[in-house]
Amino acid sequence: MERTVRYSNGRQAVYQNGRVVSRTNYVYGNTVTDINRVLDEEPRRRPDVATRKQSDRAKNMNLPYVLFLVCAMAVAVVVIASYIQANAEVTASVRNIGALESQYLNLKTDNDEAYSRIVNAVDLDEVRRIAQEELGMHYALEGQIITYTDTIGDYVKQYSDIE
């Protein structure tokens, strides 16, 4: 079956069995056609191959395929839920770290203040007076001081009395 379709832009197409056989812009005859006139309807288009295959697949959804899709969805839900839980744990840990840092700074400040009070409470002149008068201590004399130079380490061990 052959049919000819004329479009409003002056083009013409010849169809045979739903396929285009020829297209032309040339208008045959000795009369000018009315451009504003609505011409024959557009031919119905058949769906392309990809659309047809997709609809065929949708028709062929059997039980194993549906079970596979359900399992895939379940795995996706589990992964998303575990991600959200891990994200919540990280957020909670960050908040906990902030609270512990704040507590640490408060304790450090309290410790520094206590140390300052202890250092300021000790009167070194009183310690020297008690050491010299009550305990009998006195400063070393010139011949009693011996100096060492040690290049091996940063301290010296005394294994016997020095004469």
Protein backbone atom coordinates (compact mmCIF):
# COMPACT_ATOMS: atom_id res chain seq x y z
CA MET A 1 0.00 0.00 0.00
CA GLU A 2 1.46 3.32 -1.01
CA ARG A 3 0.39 6.69 0.25
CA THR A 4 1.69 10.19 -0.21
CA VAL A 5 1.83 12.73 2.60
CA ARG A 6 2.26 16.45 2.02
CA TYR A 7 3.52 18.58 4.90
CA SER A 8 2.77 22.24 5.55
CA ASN A 9 6.36 23.27 4.76
CA GLY A 10 6.03 22.04 1.19
CA ARG A 11 7.77 18.71 1.68
CA GLN A 12 6.26 15.53 0.43
CA ALA A 13 6.92 11.93 1.52
CA VAL A 14 5.88 8.66 -0.07
CA TYR A 15 5.25 5.70 2.29
CA GLN A 16 5.05 2.02 1.37
CA ASN A 17 4.13 -0.46 4.13
CA GLY A 18 4.92 2.11 6.84
CA ARG A 19 8.39 2.96 5.49
CA VAL A 20 9.47 6.12 3.73
CA VAL A 21 10.30 5.42 0.12
CA SER A 22 11.08 8.95 -1.05
CA ARG A 23 11.03 12.50 0.20
CA THR A 24 11.06 15.61 -1.90
CA ASN A 25 10.48 19.33 -1.64
CA TYR A 26 9.35 19.54 -5.22
CA VAL A 27 5.65 20.08 -5.75
CA TYR A 28 4.24 18.41 -8.82
CA GLY A 29 1.48 20.13 -10.82
CA ASN A 30 0.71 23.60 -12.00
CA THR A 31 -1.08 24.93 -8.92
CA VAL A 32 0.29 26.33 -5.71
CA THR A 33 -0.98 24.56 -2.63
CA ASP A 34 -2.31 26.48 0.34
CA ILE A 35 0.54 26.56 2.88
CA ASN A 36 -1.78 27.37 5.78
CA ARG A 37 -4.03 24.39 5.12
CA VAL A 38 -3.69 21.43 7.48
CA LEU A 39 -2.49 18.55 5.40
CA ASP A 40 -2.65 14.83 5.91
CA GLU A 41 -1.80 13.55 9.36
CA GLU A 42 1.69 12.52 10.28
CA PRO A 43 2.28 8.80 9.96
CA ARG A 44 2.33 6.89 13.22
CA ARG A 45 5.82 6.10 14.28
CA ARG A 46 6.81 2.68 15.45
CA PRO A 47 8.75 2.57 18.72
CA ASP A 48 12.48 2.31 18.28
CA VAL A 49 14.41 -0.86 19.04
CA ALA A 50 15.57 0.18 22.54
CA THR A 51 12.04 1.09 23.65
CA ARG A 52 10.68 -2.16 22.26
CA LYS A 53 13.37 -4.22 24.02
CA GLN A 54 12.71 -2.41 27.29
CA SER A 55 8.98 -3.10 27.10
CA ASP A 56 9.71 -6.76 26.24
CA ARG A 57 11.95 -7.01 29.31
CA ALA A 58 9.26 -5.45 31.49
CA LYS A 59 6.80 -8.09 30.25
CA ASN A 60 9.25 -10.90 31.01
CA MET A 61 9.84 -10.13 34.73
CA ASN A 62 9.92 -13.63 36.16
CA LEU A 63 10.26 -14.69 39.82
CA PRO A 64 14.10 -15.01 39.97
CA TYR A 65 14.50 -11.54 38.47
CA VAL A 66 12.04 -10.05 40.96
CA LEU A 67 13.82 -11.81 43.84
CA PHE A 68 17.14 -10.47 42.61
CA LEU A 69 15.74 -6.93 42.54
CA VAL A 70 14.30 -7.35 46.05
CA CYS A 71 17.66 -8.61 47.35
CA ALA A 72 19.49 -5.73 45.67
CA MET A 73 17.11 -3.25 47.28
CA ALA A 74 17.58 -4.92 50.69
CA VAL A 75 21.37 -4.70 50.35
CA ALA A 76 21.09 -1.04 49.35
CA VAL A 77 18.90 -0.30 52.38
CA VAL A 78 21.34 -2.06 54.73
CA VAL A 79 24.31 -0.17 53.27
CA ILE A 80 22.53 3.17 53.56
CA ALA A 81 21.42 2.43 57.13
CA SER A 82 24.95 1.44 58.18
CA TYR A 83 26.34 4.58 56.54
CA ILE A 84 23.89 6.77 58.43
CA GLN A 85 24.71 4.98 61.69
CA ALA A 86 28.48 5.38 61.13
CA ASN A 87 27.98 9.04 60.32
CA ALA A 88 26.00 9.50 63.55
CA GLU A 89 28.74 7.75 65.55
CA VAL A 90 31.41 10.02 64.04
CA THR A 91 29.35 13.09 64.90
CA ALA A 92 28.88 11.86 68.47
CA SER A 93 32.62 11.16 68.76
CA VAL A 94 33.46 14.66 67.56
CA ARG A 95 31.12 16.15 70.17
CA ASN A 96 32.63 13.90 72.86
CA ILE A 97 36.15 14.96 71.86
CA GLY A 98 35.12 18.61 72.15
CA ALA A 99 33.73 18.02 75.64
CA LEU A 100 36.88 16.14 76.72
CA GLU A 101 39.12 18.91 75.36
CA SER A 102 37.14 21.48 77.29
CA GLN A 103 37.41 19.38 80.45
CA TYR A 104 41.16 18.97 79.87
CA LEU A 105 41.66 22.72 79.52
CA ASN A 106 39.71 23.33 82.75
CA LEU A 107 41.82 20.76 84.63
CA LYS A 108 45.05 22.20 83.21
CA THR A 109 44.04 25.69 84.32
CA ASP A 110 43.18 24.41 87.80
CA ASN A 111 46.50 22.54 87.98
CA ASP A 112 48.50 25.62 86.90
CA GLU A 113 46.73 27.74 89.52
CA ALA A 114 47.42 25.16 92.26
CA TYR A 115 51.08 24.98 91.23
CA SER A 116 51.38 28.77 91.35
CA ARG A 117 49.83 28.81 94.84
CA ILE A 118 52.29 26.15 96.06
CA VAL A 119 55.31 27.90 94.56
CA ASN A 120 54.27 31.24 96.03
CA ALA A 121 53.50 29.66 99.42
CA VAL A 122 57.09 28.40 99.88
CA ASP A 123 59.32 31.02 101.46
CA LEU A 124 62.89 30.24 100.33
CA ASP A 125 64.44 32.49 102.96
CA GLU A 126 62.68 30.50 105.66
CA VAL A 127 63.89 27.23 104.14
CA ARG A 128 67.50 28.52 104.11
CA ARG A 129 67.24 29.72 107.73
CA ILE A 130 65.92 26.34 108.94
CA ALA A 131 68.61 24.46 106.97
CA GLN A 132 71.48 26.54 108.35
CA GLU A 133 70.36 27.13 111.94
CA GLU A 134 68.37 24.07 112.88
CA LEU A 135 69.93 21.42 110.64
CA GLY A 136 73.52 22.74 110.70
CA MET A 137 74.02 23.02 106.98
CA HIS A 138 76.42 25.56 105.47
CA TYR A 139 77.72 26.61 102.05
CA ALA A 140 80.63 24.66 100.48
CA LEU A 141 84.13 26.12 100.71
CA GLU A 142 86.56 26.67 97.82
CA GLY A 143 88.41 23.36 98.08
CA GLN A 144 85.25 21.30 98.42
CA ILE A 145 83.85 21.97 94.90
CA ILE A 146 85.09 19.64 92.13
CA THR A 147 83.94 20.14 88.53
CA TYR A 148 83.88 17.45 85.83
CA THR A 149 83.54 17.69 82.07
CA ASP A 150 81.64 14.78 80.60
CA THR A 151 81.31 14.49 76.83
CA ILE A 152 79.61 11.09 76.81
CA GLY A 153 76.31 11.82 78.54
CA ASP A 154 74.32 14.47 80.28
CA TYR A 155 74.79 13.19 83.86
CA VAL A 156 77.50 11.76 86.13
CA LYS A 157 77.20 8.73 88.47
CA GLN A 158 79.29 8.61 91.65
CA TYR A 159 80.43 5.08 92.53
CA SER A 160 82.70 5.93 95.46
CA ASP A 161 83.56 8.80 97.78
CA ILE A 162 85.67 11.61 96.38
CA GLU A 163 88.77 12.54 98.38
